[in-house]
N, C-alpha and C. Protein backbone atom coordinates (compact mmCIF):
# COMPACT_ATOMS: atom_id res chain seq x y z
N MET A 1 0.86 -1.17 0.00
CA MET A 1 0.00 0.00 0.00
C MET A 1 0.90 1.22 0.00
N GLY A 2 0.58 2.18 -0.83
CA GLY A 2 1.40 3.39 -0.93
C GLY A 2 1.12 4.35 0.21
N LYS A 3 1.90 5.46 0.19
CA LYS A 3 1.78 6.47 1.22
C LYS A 3 0.37 7.06 1.28
N LEU A 4 -0.22 7.31 0.14
CA LEU A 4 -1.57 7.87 0.08
C LEU A 4 -2.59 6.90 0.66
N GLY A 5 -2.41 5.61 0.36
CA GLY A 5 -3.31 4.58 0.90
C GLY A 5 -3.21 4.51 2.41
N LEU A 6 -2.01 4.59 2.97
CA LEU A 6 -1.82 4.54 4.42
C LEU A 6 -2.43 5.77 5.08
N MET A 7 -2.25 6.93 4.46
CA MET A 7 -2.81 8.16 5.02
C MET A 7 -4.34 8.11 5.00
N THR A 8 -4.91 7.58 3.92
CA THR A 8 -6.36 7.47 3.82
C THR A 8 -6.89 6.50 4.88
N ALA A 9 -6.24 5.36 5.03
CA ALA A 9 -6.66 4.37 6.03
C ALA A 9 -6.57 4.97 7.43
N GLY A 10 -5.50 5.70 7.71
CA GLY A 10 -5.33 6.34 9.01
C GLY A 10 -6.42 7.36 9.28
N ALA A 11 -6.75 8.16 8.27
CA ALA A 11 -7.80 9.17 8.42
C ALA A 11 -9.14 8.51 8.70
N LEU A 12 -9.44 7.42 8.00
CA LEU A 12 -10.70 6.70 8.22
C LEU A 12 -10.76 6.13 9.64
N LEU A 13 -9.66 5.59 10.12
CA LEU A 13 -9.61 5.07 11.49
C LEU A 13 -9.88 6.19 12.50
N LEU A 14 -9.26 7.34 12.29
CA LEU A 14 -9.46 8.47 13.20
C LEU A 14 -10.92 8.94 13.17
N LEU A 15 -11.51 9.00 11.99
CA LEU A 15 -12.91 9.40 11.88
C LEU A 15 -13.82 8.40 12.59
N GLY A 16 -13.52 7.13 12.43
CA GLY A 16 -14.30 6.08 13.11
C GLY A 16 -14.19 6.21 14.61
N ALA A 17 -13.00 6.48 15.12
CA ALA A 17 -12.79 6.65 16.57
C ALA A 17 -13.54 7.88 17.06
N ALA A 18 -13.51 8.97 16.30
CA ALA A 18 -14.23 10.19 16.70
C ALA A 18 -15.72 9.93 16.74
N SER A 19 -16.25 9.19 15.78
CA SER A 19 -17.67 8.85 15.74
C SER A 19 -18.06 8.02 16.95
N ALA A 20 -17.24 7.05 17.30
CA ALA A 20 -17.52 6.19 18.45
C ALA A 20 -17.57 7.01 19.73
N GLU A 21 -16.66 7.98 19.86
CA GLU A 21 -16.65 8.82 21.06
C GLU A 21 -17.92 9.64 21.16
N GLU A 22 -18.42 10.15 20.04
CA GLU A 22 -19.63 10.96 20.05
C GLU A 22 -20.84 10.15 20.49
N LYS A 23 -20.86 8.85 20.26
CA LYS A 23 -22.00 8.01 20.59
C LYS A 23 -21.97 7.55 22.05
N MET A 24 -20.83 7.68 22.71
CA MET A 24 -20.73 7.24 24.10
C MET A 24 -21.47 8.20 25.01
N PRO A 25 -22.19 7.68 26.01
CA PRO A 25 -22.89 8.57 26.94
C PRO A 25 -21.90 9.34 27.81
N ALA A 26 -22.35 10.45 28.33
CA ALA A 26 -21.50 11.26 29.20
C ALA A 26 -21.32 10.55 30.55
N MET A 27 -20.21 10.77 31.17
CA MET A 27 -19.94 10.21 32.48
C MET A 27 -20.70 11.04 33.51
N THR A 28 -21.27 10.37 34.52
CA THR A 28 -21.95 11.05 35.60
C THR A 28 -21.07 11.03 36.84
N VAL A 29 -20.82 12.19 37.42
CA VAL A 29 -20.02 12.30 38.63
C VAL A 29 -20.84 13.14 39.62
N VAL A 30 -21.05 12.61 40.82
CA VAL A 30 -21.79 13.34 41.85
C VAL A 30 -20.92 13.40 43.10
N GLN A 31 -20.50 14.59 43.48
CA GLN A 31 -19.73 14.77 44.70
C GLN A 31 -20.68 14.83 45.89
N PRO A 32 -20.23 14.38 47.08
CA PRO A 32 -21.13 14.35 48.24
C PRO A 32 -21.80 15.69 48.55
N ASP A 33 -21.10 16.80 48.37
CA ASP A 33 -21.69 18.10 48.69
C ASP A 33 -22.65 18.61 47.62
N SER A 34 -22.80 17.87 46.51
CA SER A 34 -23.73 18.31 45.47
C SER A 34 -24.96 17.40 45.37
N ILE A 35 -25.10 16.47 46.31
CA ILE A 35 -26.30 15.61 46.31
C ILE A 35 -27.51 16.46 46.66
N VAL A 36 -28.55 16.34 45.85
CA VAL A 36 -29.78 17.10 46.06
C VAL A 36 -30.83 16.14 46.63
N TRP A 37 -31.16 16.34 47.90
CA TRP A 37 -32.15 15.50 48.57
C TRP A 37 -33.54 16.09 48.38
N GLY A 38 -34.50 15.21 48.15
CA GLY A 38 -35.89 15.63 48.01
C GLY A 38 -36.79 14.57 48.63
N PRO A 39 -38.08 14.67 48.41
CA PRO A 39 -38.99 13.67 48.97
C PRO A 39 -38.72 12.30 48.38
N ALA A 40 -38.97 11.28 49.16
CA ALA A 40 -38.83 9.89 48.69
C ALA A 40 -39.91 9.60 47.64
N PRO A 41 -39.69 8.57 46.82
CA PRO A 41 -40.70 8.22 45.82
C PRO A 41 -42.04 7.87 46.46
N ALA A 42 -43.11 8.14 45.73
CA ALA A 42 -44.45 7.76 46.19
C ALA A 42 -44.43 6.26 46.48
N GLY A 43 -45.09 5.87 47.50
CA GLY A 43 -45.12 4.46 47.85
C GLY A 43 -44.24 4.15 49.05
N LEU A 44 -43.34 5.07 49.40
CA LEU A 44 -42.54 4.89 50.60
C LEU A 44 -43.15 5.72 51.72
N PRO A 45 -43.10 5.22 52.95
CA PRO A 45 -43.69 5.96 54.06
C PRO A 45 -43.06 7.35 54.21
N PRO A 46 -43.82 8.31 54.73
CA PRO A 46 -43.26 9.64 54.93
C PRO A 46 -42.11 9.62 55.93
N GLY A 47 -41.23 10.60 55.81
CA GLY A 47 -40.15 10.73 56.77
C GLY A 47 -38.78 10.48 56.18
N SER A 48 -38.71 9.87 55.01
CA SER A 48 -37.42 9.62 54.37
C SER A 48 -37.17 10.65 53.28
N LYS A 49 -35.94 10.70 52.79
CA LYS A 49 -35.57 11.58 51.68
C LYS A 49 -34.89 10.73 50.63
N ALA A 50 -34.87 11.23 49.40
CA ALA A 50 -34.22 10.50 48.31
C ALA A 50 -33.46 11.48 47.42
N ALA A 51 -32.45 10.95 46.75
CA ALA A 51 -31.67 11.71 45.78
C ALA A 51 -31.41 10.81 44.58
N VAL A 52 -31.72 11.30 43.41
CA VAL A 52 -31.44 10.54 42.18
C VAL A 52 -29.97 10.78 41.84
N MET A 53 -29.21 9.70 41.77
CA MET A 53 -27.78 9.80 41.47
C MET A 53 -27.54 9.67 39.96
N ALA A 54 -28.31 8.79 39.31
CA ALA A 54 -28.17 8.58 37.86
C ALA A 54 -29.44 7.94 37.34
N GLY A 55 -29.76 8.22 36.09
CA GLY A 55 -30.94 7.65 35.47
C GLY A 55 -32.21 8.29 35.99
N ASN A 56 -33.34 7.62 35.73
CA ASN A 56 -34.64 8.10 36.16
C ASN A 56 -35.44 6.90 36.65
N PRO A 57 -35.67 6.79 37.97
CA PRO A 57 -36.37 5.61 38.48
C PRO A 57 -37.81 5.47 37.97
N GLY A 58 -38.37 6.54 37.42
CA GLY A 58 -39.73 6.49 36.91
C GLY A 58 -39.84 6.04 35.47
N GLU A 59 -38.70 5.80 34.82
CA GLU A 59 -38.71 5.42 33.41
C GLU A 59 -37.97 4.10 33.19
N GLU A 60 -38.11 3.55 32.00
CA GLU A 60 -37.36 2.35 31.61
C GLU A 60 -35.87 2.66 31.67
N GLY A 61 -35.09 1.71 32.12
CA GLY A 61 -33.64 1.88 32.13
C GLY A 61 -33.05 1.78 33.52
N ILE A 62 -31.74 1.80 33.56
CA ILE A 62 -31.00 1.65 34.81
C ILE A 62 -31.03 2.98 35.59
N PHE A 63 -31.20 2.87 36.91
CA PHE A 63 -31.18 4.05 37.77
C PHE A 63 -30.40 3.74 39.04
N THR A 64 -29.95 4.80 39.70
CA THR A 64 -29.34 4.70 41.02
C THR A 64 -29.89 5.84 41.86
N ILE A 65 -30.42 5.51 43.03
CA ILE A 65 -30.89 6.54 43.96
C ILE A 65 -30.27 6.30 45.33
N ARG A 66 -30.26 7.33 46.14
CA ARG A 66 -29.88 7.21 47.55
C ARG A 66 -31.11 7.55 48.36
N ALA A 67 -31.24 6.87 49.48
CA ALA A 67 -32.35 7.15 50.40
C ALA A 67 -31.78 7.41 51.79
N TRP A 68 -32.25 8.47 52.41
CA TRP A 68 -31.91 8.78 53.80
C TRP A 68 -33.09 8.36 54.64
N LEU A 69 -32.83 7.54 55.65
CA LEU A 69 -33.89 7.01 56.50
C LEU A 69 -33.62 7.43 57.95
N PRO A 70 -34.62 7.98 58.64
CA PRO A 70 -34.41 8.32 60.04
C PRO A 70 -34.40 7.06 60.91
N ASP A 71 -33.90 7.19 62.12
CA ASP A 71 -33.88 6.07 63.06
C ASP A 71 -35.29 5.50 63.24
N GLY A 72 -35.40 4.18 63.16
CA GLY A 72 -36.69 3.51 63.35
C GLY A 72 -37.58 3.46 62.12
N TYR A 73 -37.16 4.03 61.02
CA TYR A 73 -37.95 4.05 59.79
C TYR A 73 -38.22 2.62 59.31
N LYS A 74 -39.46 2.33 58.95
CA LYS A 74 -39.83 0.98 58.51
C LYS A 74 -40.51 1.04 57.14
N VAL A 75 -40.23 0.04 56.33
CA VAL A 75 -40.99 -0.20 55.11
C VAL A 75 -41.53 -1.62 55.27
N MET A 76 -42.85 -1.71 55.38
CA MET A 76 -43.51 -2.98 55.66
C MET A 76 -43.36 -3.94 54.47
N PRO A 77 -43.73 -5.22 54.65
CA PRO A 77 -43.53 -6.22 53.59
C PRO A 77 -44.07 -5.76 52.23
N HIS A 78 -43.19 -5.89 51.24
CA HIS A 78 -43.49 -5.41 49.88
C HIS A 78 -42.60 -6.17 48.89
N TRP A 79 -42.85 -5.92 47.61
CA TRP A 79 -42.00 -6.46 46.55
C TRP A 79 -41.92 -5.45 45.41
N HIS A 80 -40.92 -5.67 44.56
CA HIS A 80 -40.71 -4.80 43.39
C HIS A 80 -40.81 -5.64 42.12
N ALA A 81 -41.19 -5.02 41.02
CA ALA A 81 -41.33 -5.72 39.75
C ALA A 81 -39.98 -6.14 39.17
N ASN A 82 -38.91 -5.44 39.55
CA ASN A 82 -37.57 -5.74 39.04
C ASN A 82 -36.61 -6.00 40.20
N ASP A 83 -35.47 -6.62 39.90
CA ASP A 83 -34.44 -6.83 40.91
C ASP A 83 -34.05 -5.49 41.53
N GLU A 84 -33.67 -5.54 42.81
CA GLU A 84 -33.22 -4.35 43.52
C GLU A 84 -31.89 -4.67 44.18
N SER A 85 -30.87 -3.86 43.88
CA SER A 85 -29.57 -3.99 44.53
C SER A 85 -29.43 -2.84 45.51
N LEU A 86 -29.00 -3.16 46.72
CA LEU A 86 -28.98 -2.18 47.78
C LEU A 86 -27.63 -2.22 48.49
N THR A 87 -27.01 -1.06 48.68
CA THR A 87 -25.75 -0.94 49.43
C THR A 87 -25.96 0.05 50.56
N VAL A 88 -25.56 -0.32 51.77
CA VAL A 88 -25.66 0.59 52.90
C VAL A 88 -24.44 1.51 52.87
N ILE A 89 -24.69 2.80 52.82
CA ILE A 89 -23.63 3.81 52.81
C ILE A 89 -23.23 4.14 54.25
N SER A 90 -24.24 4.35 55.11
CA SER A 90 -23.97 4.64 56.52
C SER A 90 -25.16 4.17 57.35
N GLY A 91 -24.93 3.97 58.63
CA GLY A 91 -25.99 3.50 59.51
C GLY A 91 -26.14 2.00 59.42
N SER A 92 -27.35 1.54 59.74
CA SER A 92 -27.62 0.11 59.75
C SER A 92 -29.03 -0.14 59.25
N LEU A 93 -29.14 -0.98 58.24
CA LEU A 93 -30.44 -1.34 57.67
C LEU A 93 -30.68 -2.81 57.98
N HIS A 94 -31.82 -3.09 58.56
CA HIS A 94 -32.20 -4.47 58.87
C HIS A 94 -33.16 -4.93 57.78
N LEU A 95 -32.84 -6.05 57.19
CA LEU A 95 -33.58 -6.57 56.03
C LEU A 95 -34.13 -7.94 56.36
N GLY A 96 -35.40 -8.14 56.09
CA GLY A 96 -36.02 -9.44 56.31
C GLY A 96 -36.82 -9.86 55.10
N MET A 97 -37.07 -11.16 55.00
CA MET A 97 -37.85 -11.70 53.88
C MET A 97 -39.15 -12.28 54.41
N GLY A 98 -40.16 -12.27 53.55
CA GLY A 98 -41.44 -12.88 53.91
C GLY A 98 -42.55 -11.86 54.02
N ASP A 99 -43.74 -12.36 54.26
CA ASP A 99 -44.95 -11.54 54.27
C ASP A 99 -45.23 -10.87 55.61
N THR A 100 -44.44 -11.21 56.65
CA THR A 100 -44.68 -10.67 57.98
C THR A 100 -43.45 -9.93 58.50
N PHE A 101 -43.66 -8.71 58.98
CA PHE A 101 -42.58 -7.92 59.56
C PHE A 101 -42.26 -8.49 60.93
N ASP A 102 -41.00 -8.89 61.14
CA ASP A 102 -40.57 -9.45 62.42
C ASP A 102 -39.12 -9.05 62.65
N LYS A 103 -38.91 -8.05 63.52
CA LYS A 103 -37.56 -7.52 63.77
C LYS A 103 -36.57 -8.62 64.14
N ASP A 104 -37.04 -9.67 64.81
CA ASP A 104 -36.15 -10.74 65.26
C ASP A 104 -35.64 -11.61 64.10
N LYS A 105 -36.26 -11.51 62.95
CA LYS A 105 -35.85 -12.34 61.81
C LYS A 105 -35.12 -11.55 60.73
N ALA A 106 -34.63 -10.39 61.09
CA ALA A 106 -33.94 -9.52 60.12
C ALA A 106 -32.44 -9.75 60.15
N THR A 107 -31.80 -9.46 59.04
CA THR A 107 -30.34 -9.46 58.93
C THR A 107 -29.89 -8.01 58.91
N ALA A 108 -28.95 -7.67 59.80
CA ALA A 108 -28.45 -6.29 59.87
C ALA A 108 -27.37 -6.09 58.82
N LEU A 109 -27.56 -5.09 58.00
CA LEU A 109 -26.54 -4.68 57.03
C LEU A 109 -25.97 -3.36 57.51
N ARG A 110 -24.69 -3.33 57.74
CA ARG A 110 -24.03 -2.11 58.21
C ARG A 110 -23.32 -1.45 57.01
N ALA A 111 -22.64 -0.33 57.25
CA ALA A 111 -21.97 0.40 56.17
C ALA A 111 -21.15 -0.55 55.31
N ASN A 112 -21.32 -0.45 54.02
CA ASN A 112 -20.70 -1.27 52.98
C ASN A 112 -21.37 -2.63 52.79
N GLY A 113 -22.40 -2.92 53.58
CA GLY A 113 -23.16 -4.15 53.37
C GLY A 113 -23.96 -4.05 52.08
N PHE A 114 -24.21 -5.19 51.47
CA PHE A 114 -24.85 -5.24 50.14
C PHE A 114 -25.88 -6.36 50.12
N ALA A 115 -26.99 -6.13 49.44
CA ALA A 115 -28.02 -7.17 49.27
C ALA A 115 -28.69 -6.99 47.92
N VAL A 116 -29.15 -8.10 47.37
CA VAL A 116 -29.95 -8.08 46.14
C VAL A 116 -31.25 -8.81 46.45
N THR A 117 -32.36 -8.16 46.16
CA THR A 117 -33.64 -8.84 46.27
C THR A 117 -34.16 -9.05 44.85
N PRO A 118 -34.37 -10.31 44.50
CA PRO A 118 -34.88 -10.59 43.15
C PRO A 118 -36.29 -10.03 42.95
N ALA A 119 -36.65 -9.80 41.73
CA ALA A 119 -37.98 -9.32 41.39
C ALA A 119 -39.04 -10.18 42.08
N LYS A 120 -40.02 -9.52 42.63
CA LYS A 120 -41.19 -10.13 43.27
C LYS A 120 -40.89 -10.89 44.56
N MET A 121 -39.68 -10.76 45.11
CA MET A 121 -39.38 -11.37 46.41
C MET A 121 -39.91 -10.43 47.50
N THR A 122 -40.77 -10.95 48.34
CA THR A 122 -41.33 -10.13 49.42
C THR A 122 -40.26 -9.92 50.48
N HIS A 123 -40.09 -8.65 50.87
CA HIS A 123 -39.10 -8.29 51.89
C HIS A 123 -39.56 -7.03 52.61
N TRP A 124 -38.85 -6.68 53.68
CA TRP A 124 -39.17 -5.50 54.47
C TRP A 124 -37.88 -5.01 55.12
N VAL A 125 -37.88 -3.76 55.54
CA VAL A 125 -36.66 -3.17 56.12
C VAL A 125 -37.01 -2.25 57.28
N TRP A 126 -36.01 -2.03 58.15
CA TRP A 126 -36.10 -0.97 59.15
C TRP A 126 -34.71 -0.45 59.44
N ALA A 127 -34.64 0.85 59.75
CA ALA A 127 -33.36 1.51 59.95
C ALA A 127 -33.05 1.63 61.44
N GLU A 128 -31.80 1.37 61.76
CA GLU A 128 -31.31 1.58 63.13
C GLU A 128 -30.33 2.75 63.07
N GLY A 129 -30.71 3.85 63.69
CA GLY A 129 -29.94 5.08 63.56
C GLY A 129 -30.21 5.70 62.20
N GLU A 130 -29.75 6.94 62.01
CA GLU A 130 -29.87 7.54 60.67
C GLU A 130 -29.13 6.65 59.70
N THR A 131 -29.77 6.32 58.59
CA THR A 131 -29.19 5.37 57.64
C THR A 131 -29.31 5.91 56.22
N VAL A 132 -28.24 5.74 55.44
CA VAL A 132 -28.27 6.11 54.03
C VAL A 132 -27.99 4.84 53.24
N VAL A 133 -28.86 4.56 52.27
CA VAL A 133 -28.69 3.40 51.40
C VAL A 133 -28.68 3.85 49.95
N GLN A 134 -28.00 3.09 49.11
CA GLN A 134 -28.00 3.34 47.68
C GLN A 134 -28.72 2.18 47.02
N ILE A 135 -29.68 2.50 46.18
CA ILE A 135 -30.50 1.50 45.50
C ILE A 135 -30.25 1.62 44.01
N HIS A 136 -29.97 0.48 43.42
CA HIS A 136 -29.65 0.43 41.99
C HIS A 136 -30.58 -0.61 41.37
N GLY A 137 -31.17 -0.27 40.27
CA GLY A 137 -32.07 -1.22 39.63
C GLY A 137 -32.47 -0.79 38.24
N LYS A 138 -33.41 -1.51 37.71
CA LYS A 138 -33.94 -1.23 36.38
C LYS A 138 -35.33 -0.64 36.56
N GLY A 139 -35.55 0.50 35.94
CA GLY A 139 -36.84 1.16 36.06
C GLY A 139 -37.85 0.64 35.07
N PRO A 140 -39.07 1.02 35.25
CA PRO A 140 -39.50 1.95 36.27
C PRO A 140 -39.59 1.29 37.65
N PHE A 141 -39.21 2.06 38.69
CA PHE A 141 -39.29 1.61 40.07
C PHE A 141 -40.75 1.45 40.45
N SER A 142 -41.08 0.36 41.11
CA SER A 142 -42.43 0.16 41.61
C SER A 142 -42.35 -0.55 42.95
N ILE A 143 -43.37 -0.38 43.74
CA ILE A 143 -43.44 -1.06 45.04
C ILE A 143 -44.88 -1.51 45.26
N THR A 144 -45.04 -2.79 45.62
CA THR A 144 -46.35 -3.37 45.88
C THR A 144 -46.32 -3.95 47.29
N TYR A 145 -47.20 -3.47 48.15
CA TYR A 145 -47.27 -3.94 49.53
C TYR A 145 -48.09 -5.21 49.63
N VAL A 146 -47.66 -6.11 50.51
CA VAL A 146 -48.41 -7.35 50.77
C VAL A 146 -49.77 -6.99 51.34
N ASN A 147 -49.78 -6.09 52.31
CA ASN A 147 -51.01 -5.62 52.93
C ASN A 147 -51.32 -4.24 52.38
N PRO A 148 -52.37 -4.08 51.58
CA PRO A 148 -52.68 -2.77 51.00
C PRO A 148 -52.81 -1.66 52.04
N ALA A 149 -53.16 -1.99 53.28
CA ALA A 149 -53.28 -0.98 54.33
C ALA A 149 -51.92 -0.36 54.68
N ASP A 150 -50.81 -1.04 54.36
CA ASP A 150 -49.47 -0.50 54.62
C ASP A 150 -49.02 0.50 53.55
N ASP A 151 -49.72 0.54 52.43
CA ASP A 151 -49.34 1.43 51.32
C ASP A 151 -49.69 2.87 51.68
N PRO A 152 -48.67 3.76 51.77
CA PRO A 152 -48.94 5.14 52.16
C PRO A 152 -49.56 6.02 51.06
N ARG A 153 -49.64 5.50 49.84
CA ARG A 153 -50.23 6.30 48.76
C ARG A 153 -51.73 6.43 48.97
N PRO A 154 -52.31 7.55 48.51
CA PRO A 154 -53.76 7.73 48.65
C PRO A 154 -54.51 6.59 47.95
N LYS A 155 -55.57 6.15 48.59
CA LYS A 155 -56.41 5.08 48.02
C LYS A 155 -57.23 5.66 46.86
N GLN A 156 -57.71 4.80 45.99
CA GLN A 156 -58.47 5.23 44.81
C GLN A 156 -59.68 6.08 45.19
N GLU A 157 -60.40 5.71 46.26
CA GLU A 157 -61.59 6.47 46.67
C GLU A 157 -61.19 7.88 47.06
N GLU A 158 -60.04 8.02 47.80
CA GLU A 158 -59.58 9.34 48.22
C GLU A 158 -59.21 10.19 47.02
N LYS A 159 -58.61 9.59 45.99
CA LYS A 159 -58.24 10.34 44.79
C LYS A 159 -59.48 10.89 44.10
N LYS A 160 -60.56 10.07 44.06
CA LYS A 160 -61.79 10.51 43.38
C LYS A 160 -62.43 11.68 44.10
N ASP A 161 -62.32 11.73 45.43
CA ASP A 161 -62.93 12.78 46.22
C ASP A 161 -62.25 14.13 46.02
N LYS A 162 -61.01 14.14 45.56
CA LYS A 162 -60.27 15.40 45.44
C LYS A 162 -60.50 16.11 44.17
C-alpha cells in the first residue's frame, strides 16, 4: 500500500474513533456536597428523603438513587417488579424476607453491606440510627405492599374525592 493509501486508512480510522466517542454517553459524577435530597418516591412511608444519582427511576432503564432514613424508619412487607440492589452507605439497615414484619428475623446490614432482592421477592426493612442506602435497579421503580393498608399512597376512593 502506498503512502496515500496509508494516510487514507489512518484518516478513516481516526474518523471512526471520533464517531464512536460521540456516541458514548457522558460520564456522571456526583460529589457528596452536590447531592440534592428531596422527597422519597411515592409508595414509601413519609419521613425519608431521596436523591437521584443517575438515570430516572420512573422510566425504563437503569437508575441509582440514595435514600436517607431516620432512626426507626420501617418499610412494611413489599415487593418490586424488578431486581433491587442495595448498598448501605452509613448506619444500619435491617432486612427481612417474607410476608410478615418481624424484627427478630432480620439481617443487619451495616456500612458497605450489600443485598440483592430478586424481582417479586417479598421483603421488608427498618433503619437503626440515621441510615443512608444506595439502591440500583432497572426502572420503572415500583413497590407493591403485601397488605394494602401499609401502602402510604392515597387510596383510589380518596383520589376521586379530590
